[in-house]
Protein backbone atom coordinates (compact mmCIF):
# COMPACT_ATOMS: atom_id res chain seq x y z
CA MET A 1 175.76 123.09 77.70
CA ALA A 2 176.39 126.65 78.86
CA SER A 3 175.34 128.77 81.80
CA PHE A 4 175.32 132.34 83.20
CA VAL A 5 174.39 133.89 86.47
CA TYR A 6 171.15 135.84 86.81
CA ASN A 7 170.01 137.30 90.14
CA GLY A 8 172.53 135.14 91.98
CA LYS A 9 171.31 131.91 90.35
CA THR A 10 173.15 129.82 87.77
CA ILE A 11 170.96 129.61 84.64
CA GLU A 12 171.76 126.60 82.47
CA THR A 13 171.14 126.70 78.70
CA ASP A 14 171.85 124.35 75.80
CA ASP A 15 174.60 125.27 73.36
CA GLU A 16 172.23 127.51 71.48
CA GLY A 17 171.05 129.49 74.52
CA TYR A 18 167.70 127.84 75.16
CA LEU A 19 166.82 127.38 78.85
CA GLN A 20 167.33 123.91 80.22
CA ASN A 21 164.90 124.57 83.10
CA LEU A 22 161.75 126.32 81.83
CA GLY A 23 160.93 127.19 85.48
CA ASP A 24 163.94 129.59 85.60
CA TRP A 25 162.08 132.04 83.23
CA ASP A 26 160.74 135.39 84.42
CA LYS A 27 160.30 138.74 82.70
CA GLY A 28 163.66 139.98 83.96
CA LEU A 29 165.40 136.95 82.49
CA ALA A 30 163.52 137.52 79.25
CA GLU A 31 165.14 140.96 79.08
CA VAL A 32 168.57 139.36 79.60
CA LEU A 33 167.90 136.76 76.90
CA ALA A 34 166.60 139.46 74.51
CA LYS A 35 169.75 141.50 75.07
CA GLN A 36 171.85 138.43 74.19
CA GLU A 37 169.86 138.25 70.97
CA ASN A 38 170.26 141.99 70.30
CA VAL A 39 166.50 142.49 70.65
CA GLU A 40 165.07 145.44 72.57
CA LEU A 41 161.73 144.37 73.93
CA THR A 42 158.71 146.56 73.32
CA GLU A 43 154.99 146.13 74.07
CA LYS A 44 154.66 144.34 70.71
CA HIS A 45 157.31 141.86 71.66
CA TRP A 46 155.64 141.24 75.03
CA LYS A 47 152.25 140.44 73.41
CA LEU A 48 153.90 137.69 71.37
CA ILE A 49 155.94 136.45 74.33
CA GLU A 50 152.80 136.13 76.44
CA TRP A 51 150.94 134.46 73.55
CA ILE A 52 153.68 131.92 72.80
CA ARG A 53 154.01 131.04 76.50
CA ASP A 54 150.22 130.50 76.69
CA TYR A 55 150.35 128.35 73.54
CA PHE A 56 153.19 126.26 74.95
CA GLN A 57 151.33 125.78 78.25
CA LYS A 58 148.24 124.50 76.41
CA PHE A 59 149.97 122.33 73.80
CA GLN A 60 153.44 121.54 75.32
CA VAL A 61 155.13 122.57 72.07
CA ALA A 62 156.19 125.85 70.52
CA PRO A 63 153.95 126.93 67.62
CA ALA A 64 154.94 126.60 63.98
CA ILE A 65 155.69 129.84 62.17
CA LYS A 66 152.31 129.45 60.38
CA SER A 67 150.42 129.63 63.69
CA LEU A 68 152.61 132.59 64.78
CA THR A 69 151.88 134.45 61.60
CA LYS A 70 148.12 133.83 61.93
CA GLU A 71 148.21 135.16 65.56
CA VAL A 72 150.11 138.25 64.47
CA MET A 73 147.56 138.94 61.73
CA ALA A 74 144.83 138.93 64.44
CA LEU A 75 146.79 140.83 67.17
CA GLU A 76 148.01 143.57 64.81
CA ASN A 77 144.99 143.63 62.48
CA LEU A 78 147.21 143.01 59.45
CA PRO A 79 145.61 142.23 56.06
CA ASP A 80 147.59 139.17 55.07
CA LYS A 81 150.27 136.61 55.93
CA LYS A 82 152.97 138.52 54.00
CA GLU A 83 152.46 141.63 56.18
CA ALA A 84 152.37 139.52 59.34
CA ASN A 85 155.54 137.70 58.37
CA LYS A 86 157.24 141.06 57.70
CA PHE A 87 156.06 142.27 61.13
CA VAL A 88 157.48 139.32 63.05
CA TYR A 89 160.79 139.49 61.22
CA GLU A 90 161.08 143.16 62.18
CA LEU A 91 160.65 142.17 65.84
CA PHE A 92 162.79 139.06 65.69
CA PRO A 93 165.13 139.51 62.72
CA GLU A 94 167.25 136.34 63.32
CA GLY A 95 164.26 134.05 62.89
CA PRO A 96 160.98 134.79 64.67
CA ALA A 97 160.10 131.27 65.84
CA LYS A 98 163.55 130.64 67.27
CA GLN A 99 164.20 134.02 68.85
CA LEU A 100 160.73 134.36 70.28
CA ALA A 101 160.85 130.88 71.81
CA LYS A 102 164.30 131.51 73.26
CA ILE A 103 163.36 134.90 74.82
CA ALA A 104 160.09 133.37 76.12
CA GLY A 105 162.12 130.70 77.92
CA LEU A 106 160.76 127.84 75.77
CA PRO A 107 162.57 124.98 74.02
CA LYS A 108 163.75 125.38 70.48
CA PRO A 109 160.78 124.86 68.09
CA THR A 110 160.66 121.54 66.29
CA GLY A 111 161.83 121.88 62.73
CA CYS A 112 164.02 124.94 63.31
CA VAL A 113 167.60 124.41 62.17
């Protein structure tokens, strides 16, 4: 377990940097988490962060990469899964499902190594 201080509060994470208390998350903390991941958040990142947080709230699980790719196709009006996959890897180069979940303050997706 690890921790860091954000806005005067100790934020606890697991050894991989995922929040232990999902209630700690806010947009400012997302910026901090993104910086730790070497990701500069843009409007395109925020669309996916909002989508994955909504998905998690509905289903209590982070989506599989297949669902993420499908959503990106719709949001960005991309012609196929290959283009959508390329798009998400450009935004989250170290692994879209893992990085997106971490920055969005969600648990590590099931099946991610």
